[in-house]
Amino acid sequence: MRCINSSLAKVRSLCRVCPANSAPRASVRSPALPPVAALLTSRQAHICARSALSGGCSSRLMQGPAPSPARRMHAAAGQGNSSSPIQELHPLELKEILERISQGDADDVQLIDVREEFEHQTASLPGFKLMPMSRLQEWIQDIHEEMDADKETILLCHAGVRSRNVAGFLASQGFTQLRNVTGGIDAYSREVDSSVPLY
């Protein structure tokens, strides 16, 4: 029994002086991420974690890329409220305005067709300036030279969706009297003038 106890004592003694046991254990902690990292993509969060040791994420990374005009357009169209400068225009009301224009009595109105060129060639209404939504980034740079932001601006497309989106973007650019043709040229053809081709 004494031999056993003596052996155990020697083992405990050796364990206490073993380098593996005597070396202090390093505390491994992940670098703390800035709160905004929770909102980043997985790739951005990974970059953020790596850069946290040297001061955290850069402000550019946290802000992300600047939104394109198209993204701003859709965002603006989705922020409608009671004070929105965008109003719906019934095709019959548009007919009256076009009659006034033909008589030279509508200098305070400007017309924009946001459809594609092939659509415009298929069916069109007089007085509308073709400014395709797909080329927004091209013509938006000169919009304040081409159009008066304080004039009544009527927008037309095939069914009223694209024109509504462009109207939302023009509102964000300072246009104050925007009117979207409800149902687009398709509704105008069905409800007002059947000579306008359907497509």
N, C-alpha and C. Protein backbone atom coordinates (compact mmCIF):
# COMPACT_ATOMS: atom_id res chain seq x y z
N MET A 1 0.83 -1.20 0.00
CA MET A 1 0.00 0.00 0.00
C MET A 1 0.86 1.24 0.00
N ARG A 2 1.95 1.21 0.83
CA ARG A 2 2.84 2.36 0.87
C ARG A 2 3.50 2.58 -0.49
N CYS A 3 3.80 1.50 -1.20
CA CYS A 3 4.41 1.61 -2.54
C CYS A 3 3.48 2.29 -3.51
N ILE A 4 2.22 1.91 -3.42
CA ILE A 4 1.23 2.51 -4.33
C ILE A 4 1.11 4.00 -4.07
N ASN A 5 0.98 4.38 -2.79
CA ASN A 5 0.85 5.80 -2.43
C ASN A 5 2.08 6.57 -2.86
N SER A 6 3.27 5.94 -2.67
CA SER A 6 4.52 6.60 -3.05
C SER A 6 4.58 6.82 -4.56
N SER A 7 4.09 5.86 -5.30
CA SER A 7 4.09 5.99 -6.78
C SER A 7 3.15 7.09 -7.23
N LEU A 8 1.97 7.14 -6.60
CA LEU A 8 1.00 8.18 -6.96
C LEU A 8 1.54 9.55 -6.66
N ALA A 9 2.25 9.68 -5.54
CA ALA A 9 2.82 10.98 -5.18
C ALA A 9 3.84 11.42 -6.22
N LYS A 10 4.66 10.49 -6.71
CA LYS A 10 5.65 10.83 -7.73
C LYS A 10 4.98 11.25 -9.04
N VAL A 11 3.90 10.56 -9.41
CA VAL A 11 3.17 10.92 -10.63
C VAL A 11 2.62 12.33 -10.53
N ARG A 12 1.98 12.64 -9.34
CA ARG A 12 1.42 13.99 -9.16
C ARG A 12 2.52 15.04 -9.23
N SER A 13 3.68 14.72 -8.66
CA SER A 13 4.80 15.65 -8.66
C SER A 13 5.27 15.91 -10.07
N LEU A 14 5.37 14.87 -10.88
CA LEU A 14 5.78 15.03 -12.27
C LEU A 14 4.77 15.83 -13.07
N CYS A 15 3.50 15.63 -12.79
CA CYS A 15 2.45 16.35 -13.51
C CYS A 15 2.52 17.85 -13.23
N ARG A 16 2.87 18.18 -11.96
CA ARG A 16 2.90 19.60 -11.61
C ARG A 16 4.01 20.34 -12.33
N VAL A 17 5.10 19.66 -12.65
CA VAL A 17 6.23 20.32 -13.30
C VAL A 17 6.24 20.11 -14.80
N CYS A 18 5.28 19.39 -15.33
CA CYS A 18 5.20 19.16 -16.78
C CYS A 18 4.97 20.47 -17.50
N PRO A 19 5.78 20.81 -18.51
CA PRO A 19 5.60 22.09 -19.22
C PRO A 19 4.22 22.26 -19.81
N ALA A 20 3.63 21.16 -20.27
CA ALA A 20 2.30 21.28 -20.90
C ALA A 20 1.26 21.72 -19.91
N ASN A 21 1.44 21.32 -18.62
CA ASN A 21 0.45 21.70 -17.61
C ASN A 21 0.78 23.00 -16.93
N SER A 22 2.08 23.32 -16.87
CA SER A 22 2.46 24.54 -16.16
C SER A 22 2.32 25.78 -17.02
N ALA A 23 2.32 25.63 -18.38
CA ALA A 23 2.22 26.81 -19.24
C ALA A 23 0.83 27.41 -19.13
N PRO A 24 0.77 28.73 -19.01
CA PRO A 24 -0.56 29.37 -18.93
C PRO A 24 -1.33 29.20 -20.23
N ARG A 25 -2.62 28.96 -20.12
CA ARG A 25 -3.46 28.79 -21.31
C ARG A 25 -3.93 30.14 -21.83
N ALA A 26 -3.67 30.34 -23.10
CA ALA A 26 -4.07 31.63 -23.69
C ALA A 26 -5.58 31.66 -23.83
N SER A 27 -6.14 32.77 -23.53
CA SER A 27 -7.59 32.96 -23.69
C SER A 27 -7.89 33.38 -25.13
N VAL A 28 -8.64 32.54 -25.83
CA VAL A 28 -8.95 32.81 -27.24
C VAL A 28 -10.32 33.46 -27.32
N ARG A 29 -10.32 34.66 -27.79
CA ARG A 29 -11.60 35.39 -27.92
C ARG A 29 -11.71 35.96 -29.33
N SER A 30 -12.87 35.89 -29.88
CA SER A 30 -13.09 36.46 -31.20
C SER A 30 -13.16 37.97 -31.08
N PRO A 31 -12.60 38.70 -32.05
CA PRO A 31 -12.67 40.16 -31.99
C PRO A 31 -14.11 40.62 -32.03
N ALA A 32 -14.41 41.62 -31.23
CA ALA A 32 -15.77 42.14 -31.18
C ALA A 32 -16.09 42.88 -32.47
N LEU A 33 -17.23 42.58 -33.06
CA LEU A 33 -17.63 43.24 -34.29
C LEU A 33 -18.46 44.48 -33.98
N PRO A 34 -18.32 45.51 -34.81
CA PRO A 34 -19.19 46.68 -34.62
C PRO A 34 -20.64 46.27 -34.79
N PRO A 35 -21.57 46.92 -34.10
CA PRO A 35 -22.99 46.54 -34.22
C PRO A 35 -23.49 46.53 -35.64
N VAL A 36 -22.96 47.43 -36.51
CA VAL A 36 -23.46 47.49 -37.87
C VAL A 36 -23.15 46.25 -38.67
N ALA A 37 -22.17 45.46 -38.22
CA ALA A 37 -21.80 44.25 -38.96
C ALA A 37 -22.96 43.28 -39.06
N ALA A 38 -23.88 43.35 -38.11
CA ALA A 38 -25.03 42.46 -38.14
C ALA A 38 -25.91 42.72 -39.35
N LEU A 39 -25.77 43.92 -39.94
CA LEU A 39 -26.60 44.27 -41.08
C LEU A 39 -25.91 44.00 -42.40
N LEU A 40 -24.64 43.57 -42.37
CA LEU A 40 -23.88 43.39 -43.59
C LEU A 40 -24.11 42.01 -44.18
N THR A 41 -23.68 41.87 -45.43
CA THR A 41 -23.72 40.55 -46.06
C THR A 41 -22.67 39.67 -45.41
N SER A 42 -22.74 38.34 -45.67
CA SER A 42 -21.79 37.43 -45.05
C SER A 42 -20.36 37.76 -45.49
N ARG A 43 -20.18 38.17 -46.74
CA ARG A 43 -18.84 38.51 -47.22
C ARG A 43 -18.34 39.77 -46.54
N GLN A 44 -19.21 40.78 -46.43
CA GLN A 44 -18.81 42.02 -45.77
C GLN A 44 -18.51 41.78 -44.30
N ALA A 45 -19.32 40.92 -43.66
CA ALA A 45 -19.11 40.63 -42.25
C ALA A 45 -17.77 39.94 -42.04
N HIS A 46 -17.39 39.06 -43.00
CA HIS A 46 -16.11 38.37 -42.89
C HIS A 46 -14.96 39.38 -42.97
N ILE A 47 -15.06 40.31 -43.94
CA ILE A 47 -14.03 41.34 -44.08
C ILE A 47 -14.00 42.21 -42.84
N CYS A 48 -15.19 42.49 -42.30
CA CYS A 48 -15.30 43.33 -41.11
C CYS A 48 -14.61 42.66 -39.92
N ALA A 49 -14.77 41.34 -39.80
CA ALA A 49 -14.16 40.61 -38.69
C ALA A 49 -12.64 40.65 -38.79
N ARG A 50 -12.12 40.53 -40.01
CA ARG A 50 -10.68 40.53 -40.20
C ARG A 50 -10.09 41.91 -39.94
N SER A 51 -10.87 42.95 -40.26
CA SER A 51 -10.34 44.30 -40.08
C SER A 51 -10.59 44.85 -38.69
N ALA A 52 -11.36 44.12 -37.87
CA ALA A 52 -11.67 44.62 -36.53
C ALA A 52 -10.42 44.79 -35.68
N LEU A 53 -9.42 43.91 -35.92
CA LEU A 53 -8.20 43.98 -35.14
C LEU A 53 -7.41 45.26 -35.42
N SER A 54 -7.64 45.86 -36.61
CA SER A 54 -6.91 47.08 -36.96
C SER A 54 -7.80 48.30 -36.95
N GLY A 55 -8.92 48.24 -36.28
CA GLY A 55 -9.74 49.44 -36.14
C GLY A 55 -11.16 49.31 -36.62
N GLY A 56 -11.55 48.15 -37.10
CA GLY A 56 -12.94 47.97 -37.48
C GLY A 56 -13.17 48.22 -38.96
N CYS A 57 -14.44 48.09 -39.36
CA CYS A 57 -14.82 48.24 -40.75
C CYS A 57 -14.70 49.69 -41.18
N SER A 58 -14.40 49.88 -42.45
CA SER A 58 -14.37 51.24 -42.97
C SER A 58 -15.77 51.73 -43.17
N SER A 59 -15.95 53.05 -43.18
CA SER A 59 -17.29 53.62 -43.36
C SER A 59 -17.83 53.29 -44.73
N ARG A 60 -16.95 53.18 -45.73
CA ARG A 60 -17.41 52.85 -47.07
C ARG A 60 -18.01 51.47 -47.13
N LEU A 61 -17.38 50.50 -46.41
CA LEU A 61 -17.90 49.14 -46.38
C LEU A 61 -19.25 49.10 -45.70
N MET A 62 -19.38 49.85 -44.59
CA MET A 62 -20.64 49.82 -43.84
C MET A 62 -21.76 50.46 -44.65
N GLN A 63 -21.43 51.47 -45.45
CA GLN A 63 -22.47 52.15 -46.21
C GLN A 63 -22.88 51.36 -47.43
N GLY A 64 -21.96 50.58 -48.01
CA GLY A 64 -22.26 49.81 -49.20
C GLY A 64 -22.20 50.69 -50.43
N PRO A 65 -22.39 50.14 -51.64
CA PRO A 65 -22.30 50.90 -52.87
C PRO A 65 -23.44 51.90 -52.99
N ALA A 66 -23.16 53.01 -53.67
CA ALA A 66 -24.20 54.03 -53.87
C ALA A 66 -25.28 53.47 -54.77
N PRO A 67 -26.56 53.71 -54.44
CA PRO A 67 -27.65 53.19 -55.27
C PRO A 67 -27.68 53.83 -56.64
N SER A 68 -28.00 53.05 -57.67
CA SER A 68 -28.08 53.56 -59.02
C SER A 68 -29.38 54.35 -59.18
N PRO A 69 -29.49 55.17 -60.26
CA PRO A 69 -30.75 55.88 -60.49
C PRO A 69 -31.95 54.95 -60.55
N ALA A 70 -31.74 53.75 -61.13
CA ALA A 70 -32.86 52.81 -61.22
C ALA A 70 -33.32 52.37 -59.84
N ARG A 71 -32.36 52.11 -58.91
CA ARG A 71 -32.73 51.70 -57.55
C ARG A 71 -33.44 52.84 -56.84
N ARG A 72 -32.93 54.07 -57.03
CA ARG A 72 -33.57 55.22 -56.39
C ARG A 72 -34.96 55.44 -56.94
N MET A 73 -35.13 55.14 -58.22
CA MET A 73 -36.43 55.29 -58.85
C MET A 73 -37.47 54.40 -58.19
N HIS A 74 -37.12 53.11 -58.03
CA HIS A 74 -38.06 52.16 -57.43
C HIS A 74 -38.31 52.49 -55.96
N ALA A 75 -37.29 52.94 -55.27
CA ALA A 75 -37.46 53.32 -53.87
C ALA A 75 -38.38 54.52 -53.75
N ALA A 76 -38.20 55.51 -54.64
CA ALA A 76 -39.03 56.71 -54.58
C ALA A 76 -40.48 56.37 -54.91
N ALA A 77 -40.68 55.47 -55.89
CA ALA A 77 -42.05 55.09 -56.26
C ALA A 77 -42.76 54.37 -55.13
N GLY A 78 -42.00 53.70 -54.26
CA GLY A 78 -42.59 52.96 -53.15
C GLY A 78 -42.82 53.77 -51.90
N GLN A 79 -42.54 55.09 -51.96
CA GLN A 79 -42.68 55.92 -50.78
C GLN A 79 -43.83 56.90 -50.94
N GLY A 80 -44.90 56.46 -51.56
CA GLY A 80 -46.03 57.34 -51.77
C GLY A 80 -46.72 57.72 -50.47
N ASN A 81 -47.28 58.94 -50.45
CA ASN A 81 -48.04 59.39 -49.29
C ASN A 81 -49.07 60.38 -49.74
N SER A 82 -49.85 60.90 -48.81
CA SER A 82 -50.96 61.79 -49.15
C SER A 82 -50.49 63.08 -49.78
N SER A 83 -49.25 63.50 -49.51
CA SER A 83 -48.73 64.75 -50.05
C SER A 83 -47.89 64.52 -51.31
N SER A 84 -47.98 63.33 -51.89
CA SER A 84 -47.19 63.00 -53.07
C SER A 84 -47.57 63.90 -54.24
N PRO A 85 -46.58 64.35 -55.04
CA PRO A 85 -46.86 65.17 -56.22
C PRO A 85 -47.38 64.36 -57.39
N ILE A 86 -47.51 63.04 -57.22
CA ILE A 86 -47.97 62.16 -58.31
C ILE A 86 -49.47 61.93 -58.20
N GLN A 87 -50.18 62.23 -59.27
CA GLN A 87 -51.62 62.01 -59.33
C GLN A 87 -51.94 61.12 -60.53
N GLU A 88 -53.00 60.34 -60.41
CA GLU A 88 -53.43 59.50 -61.53
C GLU A 88 -54.28 60.33 -62.50
N LEU A 89 -54.13 60.03 -63.78
CA LEU A 89 -54.86 60.74 -64.84
C LEU A 89 -55.66 59.73 -65.65
N HIS A 90 -56.97 59.87 -65.66
CA HIS A 90 -57.83 58.95 -66.42
C HIS A 90 -57.64 59.19 -67.92
N PRO A 91 -57.71 58.15 -68.74
CA PRO A 91 -57.54 58.31 -70.19
C PRO A 91 -58.48 59.36 -70.79
N LEU A 92 -59.70 59.49 -70.28
CA LEU A 92 -60.61 60.50 -70.81
C LEU A 92 -60.10 61.92 -70.52
N GLU A 93 -59.47 62.10 -69.37
CA GLU A 93 -58.87 63.40 -69.04
C GLU A 93 -57.70 63.67 -69.98
N LEU A 94 -56.94 62.62 -70.29
CA LEU A 94 -55.84 62.78 -71.21
C LEU A 94 -56.34 63.21 -72.59
N LYS A 95 -57.46 62.67 -73.01
CA LYS A 95 -58.05 63.04 -74.30
C LYS A 95 -58.32 64.55 -74.35
N GLU A 96 -58.88 65.08 -73.27
CA GLU A 96 -59.18 66.51 -73.22
C GLU A 96 -57.90 67.34 -73.30
N ILE A 97 -56.86 66.89 -72.61
CA ILE A 97 -55.58 67.61 -72.62
C ILE A 97 -54.97 67.58 -74.02
N LEU A 98 -55.02 66.42 -74.68
CA LEU A 98 -54.47 66.31 -76.03
C LEU A 98 -55.23 67.21 -77.00
N GLU A 99 -56.53 67.36 -76.80
CA GLU A 99 -57.31 68.27 -77.63
C GLU A 99 -56.87 69.71 -77.41
N ARG A 100 -56.61 70.07 -76.17
CA ARG A 100 -56.12 71.41 -75.86
C ARG A 100 -54.76 71.66 -76.51
N ILE A 101 -53.90 70.63 -76.47
CA ILE A 101 -52.58 70.75 -77.07
C ILE A 101 -52.69 70.96 -78.58
N SER A 102 -53.57 70.22 -79.22
CA SER A 102 -53.76 70.35 -80.67
C SER A 102 -54.26 71.73 -81.06
N GLN A 103 -54.92 72.39 -80.12
CA GLN A 103 -55.43 73.75 -80.36
C GLN A 103 -54.44 74.83 -79.91
N GLY A 104 -53.28 74.37 -79.44
CA GLY A 104 -52.25 75.31 -79.00
C GLY A 104 -52.59 75.98 -77.68
N ASP A 105 -53.36 75.29 -76.86
CA ASP A 105 -53.82 75.90 -75.60
C ASP A 105 -53.33 75.11 -74.38
N ALA A 106 -52.12 74.54 -74.48
CA ALA A 106 -51.62 73.77 -73.34
C ALA A 106 -50.11 73.89 -73.24
N ASP A 107 -49.62 75.13 -73.20
CA ASP A 107 -48.17 75.34 -73.09
C ASP A 107 -47.64 74.98 -71.71
N ASP A 108 -48.56 74.84 -70.77
CA ASP A 108 -48.14 74.55 -69.40
C ASP A 108 -48.07 73.05 -69.12
N VAL A 109 -48.16 72.22 -70.16
CA VAL A 109 -48.15 70.76 -70.00
C VAL A 109 -47.02 70.17 -70.82
N GLN A 110 -46.33 69.18 -70.24
CA GLN A 110 -45.29 68.44 -70.97
C GLN A 110 -45.57 66.95 -70.85
N LEU A 111 -45.32 66.23 -71.93
CA LEU A 111 -45.69 64.81 -72.03
C LEU A 111 -44.46 63.93 -72.21
N ILE A 112 -44.40 62.85 -71.44
CA ILE A 112 -43.28 61.91 -71.51
C ILE A 112 -43.81 60.49 -71.71
N ASP A 113 -43.27 59.81 -72.72
CA ASP A 113 -43.59 58.40 -72.98
C ASP A 113 -42.36 57.58 -72.59
N VAL A 114 -42.50 56.71 -71.59
CA VAL A 114 -41.34 55.96 -71.07
C VAL A 114 -41.22 54.55 -71.66
N ARG A 115 -41.99 54.26 -72.71
CA ARG A 115 -41.92 52.93 -73.32
C ARG A 115 -40.67 52.82 -74.20
N GLU A 116 -40.48 51.62 -74.73
CA GLU A 116 -39.35 51.39 -75.63
C GLU A 116 -39.68 51.90 -77.03
N GLU A 117 -38.64 52.09 -77.83
CA GLU A 117 -38.83 52.66 -79.17
C GLU A 117 -39.72 51.79 -80.04
N PHE A 118 -39.56 50.46 -79.96
CA PHE A 118 -40.39 49.58 -80.78
C PHE A 118 -41.86 49.67 -80.38
N GLU A 119 -42.13 49.92 -79.10
CA GLU A 119 -43.52 50.10 -78.66
C GLU A 119 -44.08 51.40 -79.21
N HIS A 120 -43.24 52.43 -79.17
CA HIS A 120 -43.66 53.74 -79.67
C HIS A 120 -43.97 53.68 -81.16
N GLN A 121 -43.21 52.86 -81.89
CA GLN A 121 -43.45 52.71 -83.32
C GLN A 121 -44.75 51.94 -83.58
N THR A 122 -45.09 51.06 -82.67
CA THR A 122 -46.32 50.28 -82.83
C THR A 122 -47.57 51.11 -82.55
N ALA A 123 -47.51 51.90 -81.47
CA ALA A 123 -48.65 52.73 -81.09
C ALA A 123 -48.13 53.94 -80.33
N SER A 124 -48.65 55.12 -80.67
CA SER A 124 -48.19 56.33 -80.00
C SER A 124 -49.30 57.37 -79.96
N LEU A 125 -49.12 58.35 -79.09
CA LEU A 125 -50.05 59.46 -78.98
C LEU A 125 -49.31 60.76 -79.30
N PRO A 126 -49.96 61.71 -79.95
CA PRO A 126 -49.28 62.94 -80.35
C PRO A 126 -48.81 63.77 -79.16
N GLY A 127 -47.64 64.38 -79.33
CA GLY A 127 -47.13 65.30 -78.31
C GLY A 127 -46.23 64.68 -77.27
N PHE A 128 -46.21 63.35 -77.18
CA PHE A 128 -45.39 62.70 -76.15
C PHE A 128 -43.94 62.59 -76.61
N LYS A 129 -43.02 62.97 -75.72
CA LYS A 129 -41.59 62.84 -75.98
C LYS A 129 -41.13 61.48 -75.49
N LEU A 130 -40.50 60.70 -76.38
CA LEU A 130 -40.06 59.36 -76.03
C LEU A 130 -38.80 59.41 -75.17
N MET A 131 -38.91 58.90 -73.94
CA MET A 131 -37.79 58.84 -73.00
C MET A 131 -37.86 57.48 -72.30
N PRO A 132 -37.37 56.42 -72.95
CA PRO A 132 -37.51 55.05 -72.42
C PRO A 132 -36.96 54.90 -71.00
N MET A 133 -37.71 54.19 -70.17
CA MET A 133 -37.26 53.94 -68.81
C MET A 133 -35.95 53.15 -68.80
N SER A 134 -35.75 52.28 -69.80
CA SER A 134 -34.54 51.47 -69.86
C SER A 134 -33.29 52.32 -70.08
N ARG A 135 -33.47 53.56 -70.55
CA ARG A 135 -32.34 54.45 -70.80
C ARG A 135 -32.34 55.61 -69.81
N LEU A 136 -32.94 55.38 -68.67
CA LEU A 136 -33.06 56.42 -67.64
C LEU A 136 -31.71 57.04 -67.29
N GLN A 137 -30.69 56.22 -67.11
CA GLN A 137 -29.39 56.73 -66.69
C GLN A 137 -28.77 57.65 -67.73
N GLU A 138 -29.23 57.57 -68.97
CA GLU A 138 -28.72 58.44 -70.03
C GLU A 138 -29.42 59.79 -70.00
N TRP A 139 -30.76 59.77 -70.01
CA TRP A 139 -31.47 61.04 -70.15
C TRP A 139 -31.71 61.78 -68.85
N ILE A 140 -31.58 61.10 -67.72
CA ILE A 140 -31.86 61.77 -66.45
C ILE A 140 -30.84 62.86 -66.15
N GLN A 141 -29.64 62.74 -66.72
CA GLN A 141 -28.60 63.74 -66.46
C GLN A 141 -28.97 65.12 -67.00
N ASP A 142 -29.78 65.13 -68.07
CA ASP A 142 -30.17 66.41 -68.69
C ASP A 142 -31.65 66.71 -68.50
N ILE A 143 -32.28 66.05 -67.54
CA ILE A 143 -33.73 66.18 -67.41
C ILE A 143 -34.16 67.61 -67.11
N HIS A 144 -33.37 68.35 -66.34
CA HIS A 144 -33.76 69.71 -65.99
C HIS A 144 -33.54 70.69 -67.14
N GLU A 145 -32.79 70.26 -68.16
CA GLU A 145 -32.64 71.06 -69.37
C GLU A 145 -33.74 70.73 -70.37
N GLU A 146 -34.15 69.45 -70.37
CA GLU A 146 -35.18 69.00 -71.31
C GLU A 146 -36.59 69.35 -70.83
N MET A 147 -36.79 69.31 -69.51
CA MET A 147 -38.13 69.49 -68.96
C MET A 147 -38.11 70.54 -67.84
N ASP A 148 -39.27 71.15 -67.63
CA ASP A 148 -39.45 72.13 -66.56
C ASP A 148 -40.06 71.41 -65.35
N ALA A 149 -39.33 71.38 -64.25
CA ALA A 149 -39.79 70.64 -63.07
C ALA A 149 -41.05 71.24 -62.45
N ASP A 150 -41.38 72.48 -62.79
CA ASP A 150 -42.56 73.14 -62.20
C ASP A 150 -43.80 73.02 -63.07
N LYS A 151 -43.65 72.48 -64.27
CA LYS A 151 -44.80 72.31 -65.16
C LYS A 151 -45.53 71.00 -64.88
N GLU A 152 -46.79 70.95 -65.29
CA GLU A 152 -47.53 69.69 -65.21
C GLU A 152 -46.88 68.70 -66.16
N THR A 153 -46.49 67.55 -65.63
CA THR A 153 -45.79 66.54 -66.42
C THR A 153 -46.60 65.25 -66.44
N ILE A 154 -47.00 64.84 -67.64
CA ILE A 154 -47.82 63.63 -67.79
C ILE A 154 -46.96 62.51 -68.33
N LEU A 155 -47.04 61.36 -67.68
CA LEU A 155 -46.22 60.20 -68.07
C LEU A 155 -47.10 59.06 -68.56
N LEU A 156 -46.60 58.41 -69.61
CA LEU A 156 -47.36 57.34 -70.26
C LEU A 156 -46.47 56.12 -70.50
N CYS A 157 -47.06 54.93 -70.31
CA CYS A 157 -46.38 53.69 -70.73
C CYS A 157 -47.46 52.76 -71.29
N HIS A 158 -47.20 51.48 -71.30
CA HIS A 158 -48.19 50.56 -71.87
C HIS A 158 -49.37 50.32 -70.94
N ALA A 159 -49.09 50.12 -69.65
CA ALA A 159 -50.17 49.79 -68.71
C ALA A 159 -50.18 50.66 -67.46
N GLY A 160 -49.28 51.63 -67.37
CA GLY A 160 -49.28 52.54 -66.23
C GLY A 160 -48.33 52.21 -65.11
N VAL A 161 -47.57 51.12 -65.25
CA VAL A 161 -46.66 50.71 -64.17
C VAL A 161 -45.31 51.39 -64.30
N ARG A 162 -44.70 51.26 -65.47
CA ARG A 162 -43.38 51.89 -65.67
C ARG A 162 -43.46 53.40 -65.51
N SER A 163 -44.52 53.99 -66.05
CA SER A 163 -44.65 55.44 -65.95
C SER A 163 -44.81 55.89 -64.50
N ARG A 164 -45.47 55.07 -63.71
CA ARG A 164 -45.61 55.39 -62.28
C ARG A 164 -44.24 55.34 -61.59
N ASN A 165 -43.43 54.37 -61.95
CA ASN A 165 -42.09 54.27 -61.36
C ASN A 165 -41.22 55.46 -61.73
N VAL A 166 -41.26 55.85 -63.00
CA VAL A 166 -40.47 57.00 -63.44
C VAL A 166 -40.99 58.28 -62.79
N ALA A 167 -42.29 58.38 -62.62
CA ALA A 167 -42.87 59.55 -61.94
C ALA A 167 -42.33 59.65 -60.52
N GLY A 168 -42.22 58.52 -59.86
CA GLY A 168 -41.68 58.51 -58.50
C GLY A 168 -40.25 59.03 -58.46
N PHE A 169 -39.48 58.66 -59.46
CA PHE A 169 -38.09 59.13 -59.50
C PHE A 169 -38.03 60.62 -59.82
N LEU A 170 -38.87 61.08 -60.76
CA LEU A 170 -38.88 62.51 -61.09
C LEU A 170 -39.31 63.34 -59.88
N ALA A 171 -40.19 62.79 -59.06
CA ALA A 171 -40.59 63.49 -57.84
C ALA A 171 -39.39 63.70 -56.93
N SER A 172 -38.51 62.71 -56.87
CA SER A 172 -37.31 62.83 -56.04
C SER A 172 -36.32 63.82 -56.63
N GLN A 173 -36.51 64.17 -57.90
CA GLN A 173 -35.63 65.13 -58.57
C GLN A 173 -36.22 66.55 -58.57
N GLY A 174 -37.34 66.73 -57.87
CA GLY A 174 -37.89 68.07 -57.72
C GLY A 174 -39.10 68.39 -58.58
N PHE A 175 -39.60 67.44 -59.36
CA PHE A 175 -40.80 67.69 -60.16
C PHE A 175 -42.02 67.73 -59.23
N THR A 176 -42.85 68.73 -59.41
CA THR A 176 -43.92 68.98 -58.44
C THR A 176 -45.33 68.69 -58.93
N GLN A 177 -45.51 68.52 -60.25
CA GLN A 177 -46.86 68.27 -60.80
C GLN A 177 -46.80 67.09 -61.76
N LEU A 178 -46.81 65.91 -61.20
CA LEU A 178 -46.68 64.69 -61.99
C LEU A 178 -48.02 63.97 -62.09
N ARG A 179 -48.36 63.53 -63.30
CA ARG A 179 -49.61 62.80 -63.51
C ARG A 179 -49.32 61.55 -64.32
N ASN A 180 -49.77 60.43 -63.79
CA ASN A 180 -49.55 59.13 -64.42
C ASN A 180 -50.82 58.66 -65.11
N VAL A 181 -50.73 58.34 -66.39
CA VAL A 181 -51.92 57.90 -67.15
C VAL A 181 -52.31 56.51 -66.66
N THR A 182 -53.45 56.42 -66.01
CA THR A 182 -53.93 55.15 -65.45
C THR A 182 -54.22 54.14 -66.57
N GLY A 183 -53.58 52.98 -66.50
CA GLY A 183 -53.82 51.95 -67.52
C GLY A 183 -53.00 52.14 -68.76
N GLY A 184 -52.28 53.25 -68.86
CA GLY A 184 -51.39 53.49 -70.00
C GLY A 184 -52.09 53.63 -71.33
N ILE A 185 -51.30 53.48 -72.39
CA ILE A 185 -51.84 53.62 -73.74
C ILE A 185 -52.81 52.49 -74.08
N ASP A 186 -52.68 51.37 -73.38
CA ASP A 186 -53.61 50.26 -73.59
C ASP A 186 -55.02 50.67 -73.17
N ALA A 187 -55.15 51.32 -72.03
CA ALA A 187 -56.46 51.78 -71.57
C ALA A 187 -56.98 52.89 -72.47
N TYR A 188 -56.09 53.74 -72.95
CA TYR A 188 -56.51 54.84 -73.83
C TYR A 188 -57.11 54.26 -75.12
N SER A 189 -56.48 53.22 -75.66
CA SER A 189 -56.99 52.59 -76.87
C SER A 189 -58.34 51.93 -76.64
N ARG A 190 -58.50 51.28 -75.49
CA ARG A 190 -59.73 50.55 -75.21
C ARG A 190 -60.89 51.47 -74.82
N GLU A 191 -60.58 52.56 -74.13
CA GLU A 191 -61.64 53.40 -73.57
C GLU A 191 -61.88 54.71 -74.32
N VAL A 192 -60.89 55.15 -75.10
CA VAL A 192 -61.01 56.48 -75.72
C VAL A 192 -60.94 56.42 -77.24
N ASP A 193 -59.87 55.82 -77.77
CA ASP A 193 -59.63 55.88 -79.21
C ASP A 193 -59.20 54.51 -79.72
N SER A 194 -60.12 53.79 -80.32
CA SER A 194 -59.83 52.43 -80.79
C SER A 194 -58.91 52.42 -82.01
N SER A 195 -58.64 53.58 -82.60
CA SER A 195 -57.73 53.62 -83.75
C SER A 195 -56.27 53.47 -83.31
N VAL A 196 -56.03 53.64 -82.01
CA VAL A 196 -54.68 53.43 -81.48
C VAL A 196 -54.48 51.92 -81.37
N PRO A 197 -53.48 51.36 -82.04
CA PRO A 197 -53.30 49.89 -82.06
C PRO A 197 -53.05 49.32 -80.67
N LEU A 198 -53.63 48.15 -80.44
CA LEU A 198 -53.35 47.38 -79.23
C LEU A 198 -52.16 46.47 -79.49
N TYR A 199 -51.40 46.18 -78.49
CA TYR A 199 -50.27 45.25 -78.64
C TYR A 199 -50.01 44.56 -77.33
